[in-house]
Amino acid sequence: MLDRIKEEFEGAQARVRDVSGRINDRSGSLVRSARHQVHLARGESQERLWKLEHQALDLVDSVLEKADDLPGVGLVSDSIERIVEQRRDSSLANPIEDYDGLNARAAAAAVRELGFVELLKVERYEKENKARKTVFESIDRQRVLLTREPYVEAVA
């Protein structure tokens, strides 16, 4: 009788350990998934803000062009244009040092270390300058990598 109770107790302990392990695995999976969703949302929001900033700068340029004929606008338009250009230059600055000196293969390799907004900057620079297919392909691959769920190492 005592042996039977002992066996049932050990069986119950094993089931509790099994359920506890499954709960831990599931909670870990949910946390990783939530972190990944936050990562994607952060990257997407950074991209949207960067694009909105450039749309706003383009709009200011357009307004200034149309308003040049109005009296008094010339007094402020030069300084506003200068501020807009400074902001555009700083937000478009290529994040890769000495980028112009890199061949396509080296530029494509350098892209592998970039985040969401930095990829936009390099992509825009490439479109306006060299337009190298190899670099565009590397940018696309890096975007895919940034949207994948992170590699999960086995917990020892």
Protein backbone atom coordinates (compact mmCIF):
# COMPACT_ATOMS: atom_id res chain seq x y z
CA MET A 1 0.00 0.00 0.00
CA LEU A 2 2.80 2.39 0.92
CA ASP A 3 4.60 1.48 -2.33
CA ARG A 4 1.48 2.28 -4.34
CA ILE A 5 1.12 5.70 -2.67
CA LYS A 6 4.79 6.37 -3.29
CA GLU A 7 4.39 5.47 -7.00
CA GLU A 8 1.34 7.73 -7.35
CA PHE A 9 3.18 10.55 -5.60
CA GLU A 10 6.19 10.16 -7.91
CA GLY A 11 3.87 10.03 -10.91
CA ALA A 12 2.15 13.22 -9.78
CA GLN A 13 5.53 14.91 -9.30
CA ALA A 14 6.56 13.90 -12.81
CA ARG A 15 3.31 15.31 -14.28
CA VAL A 16 3.79 18.58 -12.32
CA ARG A 17 7.37 18.88 -13.62
CA ASP A 18 6.17 18.18 -17.15
CA VAL A 19 3.40 20.79 -16.98
CA SER A 20 5.77 23.28 -15.35
CA GLY A 21 8.29 22.75 -18.14
CA ARG A 22 5.64 23.26 -20.81
CA ILE A 23 4.45 26.44 -19.09
CA ASN A 24 8.01 27.76 -18.95
CA ASP A 25 8.58 26.91 -22.61
CA ARG A 26 5.33 28.59 -23.65
CA SER A 27 5.97 31.70 -21.56
CA GLY A 28 9.47 31.98 -23.03
CA SER A 29 8.02 31.68 -26.51
CA LEU A 30 5.42 34.36 -25.79
CA VAL A 31 8.05 36.73 -24.39
CA ARG A 32 10.29 36.23 -27.45
CA SER A 33 7.34 36.80 -29.74
CA ALA A 34 6.35 39.98 -27.90
CA ARG A 35 9.93 41.28 -28.03
CA HIS A 36 10.04 40.58 -31.75
CA GLN A 37 6.77 42.44 -32.33
CA VAL A 38 8.15 45.42 -30.39
CA HIS A 39 11.33 45.27 -32.49
CA LEU A 40 9.31 45.31 -35.71
CA ALA A 41 7.04 48.13 -34.49
CA ARG A 42 10.06 50.20 -33.45
CA GLY A 43 11.72 49.73 -36.83
CA GLU A 44 8.53 50.49 -38.71
CA SER A 45 7.87 53.63 -36.66
CA GLN A 46 11.45 54.83 -37.20
CA GLU A 47 11.02 54.37 -40.94
CA ARG A 48 7.69 56.21 -40.93
CA LEU A 49 9.10 59.14 -38.96
CA TRP A 50 12.08 59.38 -41.31
CA LYS A 51 9.80 59.38 -44.35
CA LEU A 52 7.44 61.94 -42.77
CA GLU A 53 10.37 64.18 -41.98
CA HIS A 54 11.42 64.14 -45.64
CA GLN A 55 7.89 64.76 -46.82
CA ALA A 56 7.71 67.76 -44.49
CA LEU A 57 11.04 69.08 -45.76
CA ASP A 58 9.83 68.67 -49.36
CA LEU A 59 6.62 70.50 -48.46
CA VAL A 60 8.54 73.40 -46.93
CA ASP A 61 10.66 73.61 -50.10
CA SER A 62 7.51 73.66 -52.22
CA VAL A 63 5.89 76.38 -50.09
CA LEU A 64 9.04 78.49 -50.22
CA GLU A 65 9.21 78.20 -54.01
CA LYS A 66 5.60 79.35 -54.36
CA ALA A 67 5.95 82.12 -51.80
CA ASP A 68 9.06 83.76 -53.27
CA ASP A 69 6.92 86.28 -55.15
CA LEU A 70 5.17 87.49 -52.01
CA PRO A 71 6.50 90.65 -50.39
CA GLY A 72 8.56 90.10 -47.24
CA VAL A 73 9.02 86.38 -47.78
CA GLY A 74 12.48 86.91 -49.19
CA LEU A 75 13.60 88.22 -45.81
CA VAL A 76 13.05 84.84 -44.14
CA SER A 77 13.12 82.37 -47.01
CA ASP A 78 16.92 82.26 -47.28
CA SER A 79 17.37 81.33 -43.62
CA ILE A 80 14.52 78.80 -43.76
CA GLU A 81 15.98 77.23 -46.90
CA ARG A 82 19.35 77.00 -45.17
CA ILE A 83 17.77 75.31 -42.12
CA VAL A 84 15.84 72.88 -44.33
CA GLU A 85 18.98 71.96 -46.27
CA GLN A 86 20.97 71.45 -43.05
CA ARG A 87 18.25 69.17 -41.69
CA ARG A 88 18.00 67.28 -44.97
CA ASP A 89 21.78 66.83 -45.11
CA SER A 90 21.98 65.54 -41.55
CA SER A 91 19.06 63.13 -41.96
CA LEU A 92 20.40 61.83 -45.26
CA ALA A 93 23.99 61.48 -44.08
CA ASN A 94 25.29 58.11 -45.15
CA PRO A 95 25.88 55.98 -42.03
CA ILE A 96 28.79 54.11 -43.65
CA GLU A 97 32.14 55.85 -43.35
CA ASP A 98 33.95 56.50 -46.64
CA TYR A 99 31.04 54.99 -48.57
CA ASP A 100 31.96 56.68 -51.85
CA GLY A 101 35.28 54.84 -51.90
CA LEU A 102 33.72 51.39 -51.51
CA ASN A 103 33.21 49.06 -54.44
CA ALA A 104 29.86 47.30 -54.79
CA ARG A 105 30.95 44.19 -52.89
CA ALA A 106 32.36 46.18 -49.94
CA ALA A 107 29.29 48.43 -49.84
CA ALA A 108 26.99 45.40 -49.88
CA ALA A 109 28.96 43.88 -47.01
CA ALA A 110 28.77 47.11 -45.00
CA VAL A 111 25.00 47.20 -45.39
CA ARG A 112 24.73 43.95 -43.40
CA GLU A 113 25.35 45.85 -40.17
CA LEU A 114 22.63 48.49 -40.62
CA GLY A 115 19.23 49.01 -39.05
CA PHE A 116 15.94 50.11 -40.58
CA VAL A 117 16.57 53.84 -41.05
CA GLU A 118 20.22 53.44 -42.01
CA LEU A 119 19.11 51.13 -44.82
CA LEU A 120 16.76 53.83 -46.08
CA LYS A 121 19.61 56.34 -46.09
CA VAL A 122 21.95 54.07 -48.05
CA GLU A 123 19.17 53.06 -50.42
CA ARG A 124 18.32 56.68 -51.17
CA TYR A 125 22.00 57.53 -51.62
CA GLU A 126 22.45 54.62 -54.03
CA LYS A 127 19.38 55.65 -56.05
CA GLU A 128 20.71 59.18 -56.39
CA ASN A 129 24.31 58.19 -57.16
CA LYS A 130 25.67 54.83 -58.28
CA ALA A 131 22.49 52.67 -58.31
CA ARG A 132 24.40 49.40 -57.88
CA LYS A 133 22.26 46.29 -58.14
CA THR A 134 24.49 44.36 -55.71
CA VAL A 135 23.96 46.96 -53.00
CA PHE A 136 20.18 47.05 -53.53
CA GLU A 137 20.05 43.26 -53.23
CA SER A 138 22.06 43.42 -50.00
CA ILE A 139 19.71 46.09 -48.64
CA ASP A 140 16.71 43.87 -49.42
CA ARG A 141 18.35 40.87 -47.72
CA GLN A 142 19.16 42.94 -44.63
CA ARG A 143 15.54 44.14 -44.44
CA VAL A 144 14.37 40.54 -44.47
CA LEU A 145 16.85 39.67 -41.73
CA LEU A 146 15.66 42.58 -39.60
CA THR A 147 12.09 41.31 -39.77
CA ARG A 148 12.86 37.69 -38.89
CA GLU A 149 12.39 36.40 -35.40
CA PRO A 150 15.69 36.36 -33.55
CA TYR A 151 17.65 33.16 -33.23
CA VAL A 152 16.84 31.47 -29.95
CA GLU A 153 19.70 29.60 -28.33
CA ALA A 154 18.88 26.48 -26.38
CA VAL A 155 18.77 27.30 -22.70
CA ALA A 156 21.11 25.05 -20.79
